Amino acid sequence: MEIGLAVGGAFLSSASNVLFDRLTLKECLDNAENLIEEVNYKTLRLKEKLEDSIETLEVLEKKIGRLRFQKHFGPSKEETIRPSTSLVDEFDILGRHNEIEGLVDRLLFEDANLTVVPIFGMGSVGKTTLGRAVYNDEKVKNHFDLEVWFGVSEPYDPFRITKGLLQVIGIFDRKVGNNLNQLQVKLKENLKGKKFLIILDDV
């Protein structure tokens, strides 16, 4: 009887150890899988951040190259007046999609009836580029009844700006002449009841 109990106890002890070893092994495997998934996720995130950083650096490098070229071979500010156009170069907006989306959201979801969204910054930081990207965004085009792009430049001239906006819209009347008040009244009448976006570049 004692021998039987001893043998039985040894058997139960052996079986218990096997079961414990299996449970421990399963936990180790689960932990290893979780660790691998976490490492893979962090590696993917790091790769995305590195790609974004490399893309931004490449854009900056090419822009610096352009500025150096303009400095040595381009005309001076006094010699030329920079043209303003709404056409956007896809190369110029690489790495700036978050800024563009932020501006688009402000234009589309602003509660006020009349909203002014300024784009601040020093010269050559890409304010015009952001404006062009927003102007040509499909969601913006579908949201507004009318879009107008106009380059202001210096010196600031309200008459020239108002007249230019009317010409771009296609409603300028030569009979009005040089009367600024009449021009502004005409512009207001033609914009009334419409969802419109007017971008004034180089203010």
C-alpha atoms as a PDB file:
ATOM      1  CA  MET A   1       0.000   0.000   0.000  1.00  0.00           C
ATOM      2  CA  GLU A   2       2.824   2.389   0.839  1.00  0.00           C
ATOM      3  CA  ILE A   3       4.639   1.432  -2.349  1.00  0.00           C
ATOM      4  CA  GLY A   4       1.496   2.049  -4.381  1.00  0.00           C
ATOM      5  CA  LEU A   5       0.995   5.436  -2.801  1.00  0.00           C
ATOM      6  CA  ALA A   6       4.606   6.369  -3.427  1.00  0.00           C
ATOM      7  CA  VAL A   7       4.424   5.364  -7.053  1.00  0.00           C
ATOM      8  CA  GLY A   8       1.122   7.136  -7.486  1.00  0.00           C
ATOM      9  CA  GLY A   9       2.494  10.272  -5.846  1.00  0.00           C
ATOM     10  CA  ALA A  10       5.516  10.252  -8.100  1.00  0.00           C
ATOM     11  CA  PHE A  11       3.260   9.901 -11.142  1.00  0.00           C
ATOM     12  CA  LEU A  12       1.027  12.770 -10.053  1.00  0.00           C
ATOM     13  CA  SER A  13       4.056  14.916  -9.326  1.00  0.00           C
ATOM     14  CA  SER A  14       5.512  14.184 -12.747  1.00  0.00           C
ATOM     15  CA  ALA A  15       2.212  14.980 -14.506  1.00  0.00           C
ATOM     16  CA  SER A  16       1.907  18.240 -12.555  1.00  0.00           C
ATOM     17  CA  ASN A  17       5.387  19.287 -13.619  1.00  0.00           C
ATOM     18  CA  VAL A  18       4.601  18.566 -17.284  1.00  0.00           C
ATOM     19  CA  LEU A  19       1.385  20.610 -17.076  1.00  0.00           C
ATOM     20  CA  PHE A  20       3.236  23.469 -15.381  1.00  0.00           C
ATOM     21  CA  ASP A  21       5.970  23.373 -18.025  1.00  0.00           C
ATOM     22  CA  ARG A  22       3.359  23.531 -20.813  1.00  0.00           C
ATOM     23  CA  LEU A  23       1.582  26.498 -19.235  1.00  0.00           C
ATOM     24  CA  THR A  24       4.881  28.300 -18.725  1.00  0.00           C
ATOM     25  CA  LEU A  25       5.895  27.636 -22.325  1.00  0.00           C
ATOM     26  CA  LYS A  26       2.541  28.970 -23.627  1.00  0.00           C
ATOM     27  CA  GLU A  27       2.926  32.139 -21.581  1.00  0.00           C
ATOM     28  CA  CYS A  28       6.441  32.625 -22.915  1.00  0.00           C
ATOM     29  CA  LEU A  29       5.255  32.160 -26.493  1.00  0.00           C
ATOM     30  CA  ASP A  30       2.368  34.618 -25.980  1.00  0.00           C
ATOM     31  CA  ASN A  31       4.710  37.176 -24.457  1.00  0.00           C
ATOM     32  CA  ALA A  32       7.166  36.700 -27.310  1.00  0.00           C
ATOM     33  CA  GLU A  33       4.401  37.221 -29.899  1.00  0.00           C
ATOM     34  CA  ASN A  34       3.205  40.387 -28.145  1.00  0.00           C
ATOM     35  CA  LEU A  35       6.773  41.688 -27.985  1.00  0.00           C
ATOM     36  CA  ILE A  36       7.308  40.988 -31.696  1.00  0.00           C
ATOM     37  CA  GLU A  37       4.061  42.784 -32.590  1.00  0.00           C
ATOM     38  CA  GLU A  38       5.049  45.783 -30.491  1.00  0.00           C
ATOM     39  CA  VAL A  39       8.519  45.902 -32.059  1.00  0.00           C
ATOM     40  CA  ASN A  40       7.030  45.634 -35.560  1.00  0.00           C
ATOM     41  CA  TYR A  41       4.571  48.467 -34.826  1.00  0.00           C
ATOM     42  CA  LYS A  42       7.277  50.744 -33.433  1.00  0.00           C
ATOM     43  CA  THR A  43       9.565  49.900 -36.360  1.00  0.00           C
ATOM     44  CA  LEU A  44       6.787  50.796 -38.833  1.00  0.00           C
ATOM     45  CA  ARG A  45       6.081  54.094 -37.060  1.00  0.00           C
ATOM     46  CA  LEU A  46       9.789  54.933 -37.012  1.00  0.00           C
ATOM     47  CA  LYS A  47      10.062  54.109 -40.705  1.00  0.00           C
ATOM     48  CA  GLU A  48       7.135  56.427 -41.530  1.00  0.00           C
ATOM     49  CA  LYS A  49       8.657  59.259 -39.491  1.00  0.00           C
ATOM     50  CA  LEU A  50      12.029  58.775 -41.163  1.00  0.00           C
ATOM     51  CA  GLU A  51      10.429  58.801 -44.617  1.00  0.00           C
ATOM     52  CA  ASP A  52       8.580  62.037 -43.794  1.00  0.00           C
ATOM     53  CA  SER A  53      11.795  63.599 -42.477  1.00  0.00           C
ATOM     54  CA  ILE A  54      13.767  62.537 -45.550  1.00  0.00           C
ATOM     55  CA  GLU A  55      11.034  63.906 -47.838  1.00  0.00           C
ATOM     56  CA  THR A  56      11.046  67.243 -46.003  1.00  0.00           C
ATOM     57  CA  LEU A  57      14.855  67.454 -46.096  1.00  0.00           C
ATOM     58  CA  GLU A  58      14.886  66.727 -49.846  1.00  0.00           C
ATOM     59  CA  VAL A  59      12.359  69.508 -50.429  1.00  0.00           C
ATOM     60  CA  LEU A  60      14.386  71.959 -48.325  1.00  0.00           C
ATOM     61  CA  GLU A  61      17.596  70.972 -50.103  1.00  0.00           C
ATOM     62  CA  LYS A  62      16.066  71.652 -53.516  1.00  0.00           C
ATOM     63  CA  LYS A  63      14.531  74.936 -52.359  1.00  0.00           C
ATOM     64  CA  ILE A  64      17.909  76.062 -51.005  1.00  0.00           C
ATOM     65  CA  GLY A  65      19.414  75.176 -54.353  1.00  0.00           C
ATOM     66  CA  ARG A  66      16.793  77.291 -56.119  1.00  0.00           C
ATOM     67  CA  LEU A  67      17.429  80.258 -53.810  1.00  0.00           C
ATOM     68  CA  ARG A  68      21.181  80.035 -54.398  1.00  0.00           C
ATOM     69  CA  PHE A  69      20.616  79.952 -58.141  1.00  0.00           C
ATOM     70  CA  GLN A  70      18.305  82.979 -57.987  1.00  0.00           C
ATOM     71  CA  LYS A  71      20.794  84.846 -55.815  1.00  0.00           C
ATOM     72  CA  HIS A  72      23.622  84.432 -58.337  1.00  0.00           C
ATOM     73  CA  PHE A  73      21.741  84.460 -61.650  1.00  0.00           C
ATOM     74  CA  GLY A  74      18.215  85.807 -61.007  1.00  0.00           C
ATOM     75  CA  PRO A  75      17.027  89.404 -61.383  1.00  0.00           C
ATOM     76  CA  SER A  76      16.860  91.677 -58.347  1.00  0.00           C
ATOM     77  CA  LYS A  77      13.625  92.676 -56.637  1.00  0.00           C
ATOM     78  CA  GLU A  78      13.881  96.186 -58.094  1.00  0.00           C
ATOM     79  CA  GLU A  79      14.164  94.838 -61.648  1.00  0.00           C
ATOM     80  CA  THR A  80      11.043  92.655 -61.679  1.00  0.00           C
ATOM     81  CA  ILE A  81       7.570  92.373 -60.205  1.00  0.00           C
ATOM     82  CA  ARG A  82       6.805  88.820 -59.100  1.00  0.00           C
ATOM     83  CA  PRO A  83       3.810  87.433 -60.995  1.00  0.00           C
ATOM     84  CA  SER A  84       1.024  85.854 -58.991  1.00  0.00           C
ATOM     85  CA  THR A  85      -0.724  82.733 -60.202  1.00  0.00           C
ATOM     86  CA  SER A  86      -3.098  80.206 -58.642  1.00  0.00           C
ATOM     87  CA  LEU A  87      -1.361  77.267 -60.358  1.00  0.00           C
ATOM     88  CA  VAL A  88       0.323  74.972 -57.858  1.00  0.00           C
ATOM     89  CA  ASP A  89       3.486  72.922 -58.352  1.00  0.00           C
ATOM     90  CA  GLU A  90       3.021  69.496 -56.705  1.00  0.00           C
ATOM     91  CA  PHE A  91       6.727  69.452 -55.883  1.00  0.00           C
ATOM     92  CA  ASP A  92       6.364  72.555 -53.680  1.00  0.00           C
ATOM     93  CA  ILE A  93       3.714  71.034 -51.396  1.00  0.00           C
ATOM     94  CA  LEU A  94       5.571  67.850 -50.479  1.00  0.00           C
ATOM     95  CA  GLY A  95       5.579  67.419 -46.708  1.00  0.00           C
ATOM     96  CA  ARG A  96       2.992  70.196 -46.137  1.00  0.00           C
ATOM     97  CA  HIS A  97      -0.254  68.224 -46.368  1.00  0.00           C
ATOM     98  CA  ASN A  98      -1.120  68.712 -42.691  1.00  0.00           C
ATOM     99  CA  GLU A  99      -0.887  72.501 -43.057  1.00  0.00           C
ATOM    100  CA  ILE A 100      -3.041  72.404 -46.181  1.00  0.00           C
ATOM    101  CA  GLU A 101      -5.682  70.193 -44.564  1.00  0.00           C
ATOM    102  CA  GLY A 102      -5.801  72.513 -41.554  1.00  0.00           C
ATOM    103  CA  LEU A 103      -6.496  75.550 -43.761  1.00  0.00           C
ATOM    104  CA  VAL A 104      -9.073  73.667 -45.821  1.00  0.00           C
ATOM    105  CA  ASP A 105     -10.913  72.570 -42.668  1.00  0.00           C
ATOM    106  CA  ARG A 106     -11.025  76.155 -41.396  1.00  0.00           C
ATOM    107  CA  LEU A 107     -12.555  77.341 -44.655  1.00  0.00           C
ATOM    108  CA  LEU A 108     -15.122  74.551 -44.925  1.00  0.00           C
ATOM    109  CA  PHE A 109     -16.281  74.314 -41.324  1.00  0.00           C
ATOM    110  CA  GLU A 110     -16.109  77.914 -40.096  1.00  0.00           C
ATOM    111  CA  ASP A 111     -19.445  79.051 -38.623  1.00  0.00           C
ATOM    112  CA  ALA A 112     -19.129  82.748 -39.445  1.00  0.00           C
ATOM    113  CA  ASN A 113     -20.765  84.081 -42.615  1.00  0.00           C
ATOM    114  CA  LEU A 114     -17.644  86.040 -43.522  1.00  0.00           C
ATOM    115  CA  THR A 115     -14.266  84.661 -42.506  1.00  0.00           C
ATOM    116  CA  VAL A 116     -10.759  85.985 -43.020  1.00  0.00           C
ATOM    117  CA  VAL A 117      -8.037  83.343 -42.778  1.00  0.00           C
ATOM    118  CA  PRO A 118      -4.585  84.960 -42.810  1.00  0.00           C
ATOM    119  CA  ILE A 119      -1.412  83.053 -43.675  1.00  0.00           C
ATOM    120  CA  PHE A 120       1.462  84.682 -41.803  1.00  0.00           C
ATOM    121  CA  GLY A 121       5.174  84.221 -42.239  1.00  0.00           C
ATOM    122  CA  MET A 122       8.441  85.698 -43.469  1.00  0.00           C
ATOM    123  CA  GLY A 123       9.296  85.908 -47.119  1.00  0.00           C
ATOM    124  CA  SER A 124      10.024  82.691 -49.043  1.00  0.00           C
ATOM    125  CA  VAL A 125       8.503  80.370 -46.414  1.00  0.00           C
ATOM    126  CA  GLY A 126       5.752  79.158 -48.758  1.00  0.00           C
ATOM    127  CA  LYS A 127       2.674  81.282 -47.942  1.00  0.00           C
ATOM    128  CA  THR A 128       1.717  81.596 -51.610  1.00  0.00           C
ATOM    129  CA  THR A 129       2.281  77.862 -52.108  1.00  0.00           C
ATOM    130  CA  LEU A 130      -0.155  77.041 -49.284  1.00  0.00           C
ATOM    131  CA  GLY A 131      -2.699  79.457 -50.729  1.00  0.00           C
ATOM    132  CA  ARG A 132      -2.415  77.847 -54.159  1.00  0.00           C
ATOM    133  CA  ALA A 133      -2.834  74.359 -52.719  1.00  0.00           C
ATOM    134  CA  VAL A 134      -5.980  75.398 -50.833  1.00  0.00           C
ATOM    135  CA  TYR A 135      -7.350  77.247 -53.872  1.00  0.00           C
ATOM    136  CA  ASN A 136      -6.956  74.136 -56.048  1.00  0.00           C
ATOM    137  CA  ASP A 137      -8.230  71.651 -53.468  1.00  0.00           C
ATOM    138  CA  GLU A 138     -11.213  69.672 -54.827  1.00  0.00           C
ATOM    139  CA  LYS A 139     -13.203  69.966 -51.580  1.00  0.00           C
ATOM    140  CA  VAL A 140     -12.794  73.740 -51.688  1.00  0.00           C
ATOM    141  CA  LYS A 141     -13.819  73.923 -55.342  1.00  0.00           C
ATOM    142  CA  ASN A 142     -16.959  71.908 -54.638  1.00  0.00           C
ATOM    143  CA  HIS A 143     -17.838  73.971 -51.556  1.00  0.00           C
ATOM    144  CA  PHE A 144     -17.661  77.506 -52.983  1.00  0.00           C
ATOM    145  CA  ASP A 145     -19.764  78.981 -55.777  1.00  0.00           C
ATOM    146  CA  LEU A 146     -16.962  81.312 -56.796  1.00  0.00           C
ATOM    147  CA  GLU A 147     -13.180  81.347 -56.367  1.00  0.00           C
ATOM    148  CA  VAL A 148     -11.008  84.370 -57.128  1.00  0.00           C
ATOM    149  CA  TRP A 149      -7.214  84.661 -57.000  1.00  0.00           C
ATOM    150  CA  PHE A 150      -5.655  88.116 -57.141  1.00  0.00           C
ATOM    151  CA  GLY A 151      -2.085  89.318 -56.613  1.00  0.00           C
ATOM    152  CA  VAL A 152      -1.973  92.552 -54.626  1.00  0.00           C
ATOM    153  CA  SER A 153       1.757  93.440 -54.449  1.00  0.00           C
ATOM    154  CA  GLU A 154       2.964  96.921 -53.569  1.00  0.00           C
ATOM    155  CA  PRO A 155       1.922  99.679 -53.409  1.00  0.00           C
ATOM    156  CA  TYR A 156      -1.445  98.851 -51.848  1.00  0.00           C
ATOM    157  CA  ASP A 157      -4.196 100.326 -54.063  1.00  0.00           C
ATOM    158  CA  PRO A 158      -7.877  99.660 -53.167  1.00  0.00           C
ATOM    159  CA  PHE A 159      -9.065 100.888 -56.563  1.00  0.00           C
ATOM    160  CA  ARG A 160      -6.740  98.552 -58.476  1.00  0.00           C
ATOM    161  CA  ILE A 161      -7.694  95.611 -56.241  1.00  0.00           C
ATOM    162  CA  THR A 162     -11.455  96.182 -56.578  1.00  0.00           C
ATOM    163  CA  LYS A 163     -11.175  96.723 -60.325  1.00  0.00           C
ATOM    164  CA  GLY A 164      -8.995  93.625 -60.657  1.00  0.00           C
ATOM    165  CA  LEU A 165     -11.466  91.451 -58.724  1.00  0.00           C
ATOM    166  CA  LEU A 166     -14.316  92.632 -60.969  1.00  0.00           C
ATOM    167  CA  GLN A 167     -12.226  91.835 -64.056  1.00  0.00           C
ATOM    168  CA  VAL A 168     -11.380  88.352 -62.793  1.00  0.00           C
ATOM    169  CA  ILE A 169     -15.039  87.666 -62.042  1.00  0.00           C
ATOM    170  CA  GLY A 170     -15.898  89.024 -65.498  1.00  0.00           C
ATOM    171  CA  ILE A 171     -18.296  91.822 -64.483  1.00  0.00           C
ATOM    172  CA  PHE A 172     -16.134  94.941 -64.838  1.00  0.00           C
ATOM    173  CA  ASP A 173     -18.050  97.818 -66.382  1.00  0.00           C
ATOM    174  CA  ARG A 174     -15.945 100.538 -68.015  1.00  0.00           C
ATOM    175  CA  LYS A 175     -18.852 102.990 -67.642  1.00  0.00           C
ATOM    176  CA  VAL A 176     -18.279 103.084 -63.883  1.00  0.00           C
ATOM    177  CA  GLY A 177     -14.894 104.668 -64.525  1.00  0.00           C
ATOM    178  CA  ASN A 178     -12.640 105.502 -61.588  1.00  0.00           C
ATOM    179  CA  ASN A 179     -15.333 105.717 -58.924  1.00  0.00           C
ATOM    180  CA  LEU A 180     -14.099 103.407 -56.162  1.00  0.00           C
ATOM    181  CA  ASN A 181     -17.401 103.452 -54.273  1.00  0.00           C
ATOM    182  CA  GLN A 182     -19.406 102.371 -57.329  1.00  0.00           C
ATOM    183  CA  LEU A 183     -16.900  99.616 -58.067  1.00  0.00           C
ATOM    184  CA  GLN A 184     -17.146  98.267 -54.515  1.00  0.00           C
ATOM    185  CA  VAL A 185     -20.962  98.431 -54.573  1.00  0.00           C
ATOM    186  CA  LYS A 186     -20.986  96.485 -57.844  1.00  0.00           C
ATOM    187  CA  LEU A 187     -18.618  93.884 -56.396  1.00  0.00           C
ATOM    188  CA  LYS A 188     -20.757  93.507 -53.276  1.00  0.00           C
ATOM    189  CA  GLU A 189     -23.945  93.108 -55.340  1.00  0.00           C
ATOM    190  CA  ASN A 190     -22.411  90.338 -57.432  1.00  0.00           C
ATOM    191  CA  LEU A 191     -21.107  88.444 -54.422  1.00  0.00           C
ATOM    192  CA  LYS A 192     -24.334  88.702 -52.423  1.00  0.00           C
ATOM    193  CA  GLY A 193     -25.935  85.322 -51.667  1.00  0.00           C
ATOM    194  CA  LYS A 194     -22.930  83.337 -52.911  1.00  0.00           C
ATOM    195  CA  LYS A 195     -20.364  81.208 -51.165  1.00  0.00           C
ATOM    196  CA  PHE A 196     -17.136  82.739 -52.390  1.00  0.00           C
ATOM    197  CA  LEU A 197     -13.426  82.425 -51.725  1.00  0.00           C
ATOM    198  CA  ILE A 198     -11.157  85.373 -52.512  1.00  0.00           C
ATOM    199  CA  ILE A 199      -7.424  84.872 -52.055  1.00  0.00           C
ATOM    200  CA  LEU A 200      -5.313  88.038 -52.022  1.00  0.00           C
ATOM    201  CA  ASP A 201      -1.691  87.099 -52.611  1.00  0.00           C
ATOM    202  CA  ASP A 202       1.340  89.147 -51.594  1.00  0.00           C
ATOM    203  CA  VAL A 203      -0.601  91.566 -49.385  1.00  0.00           C
END
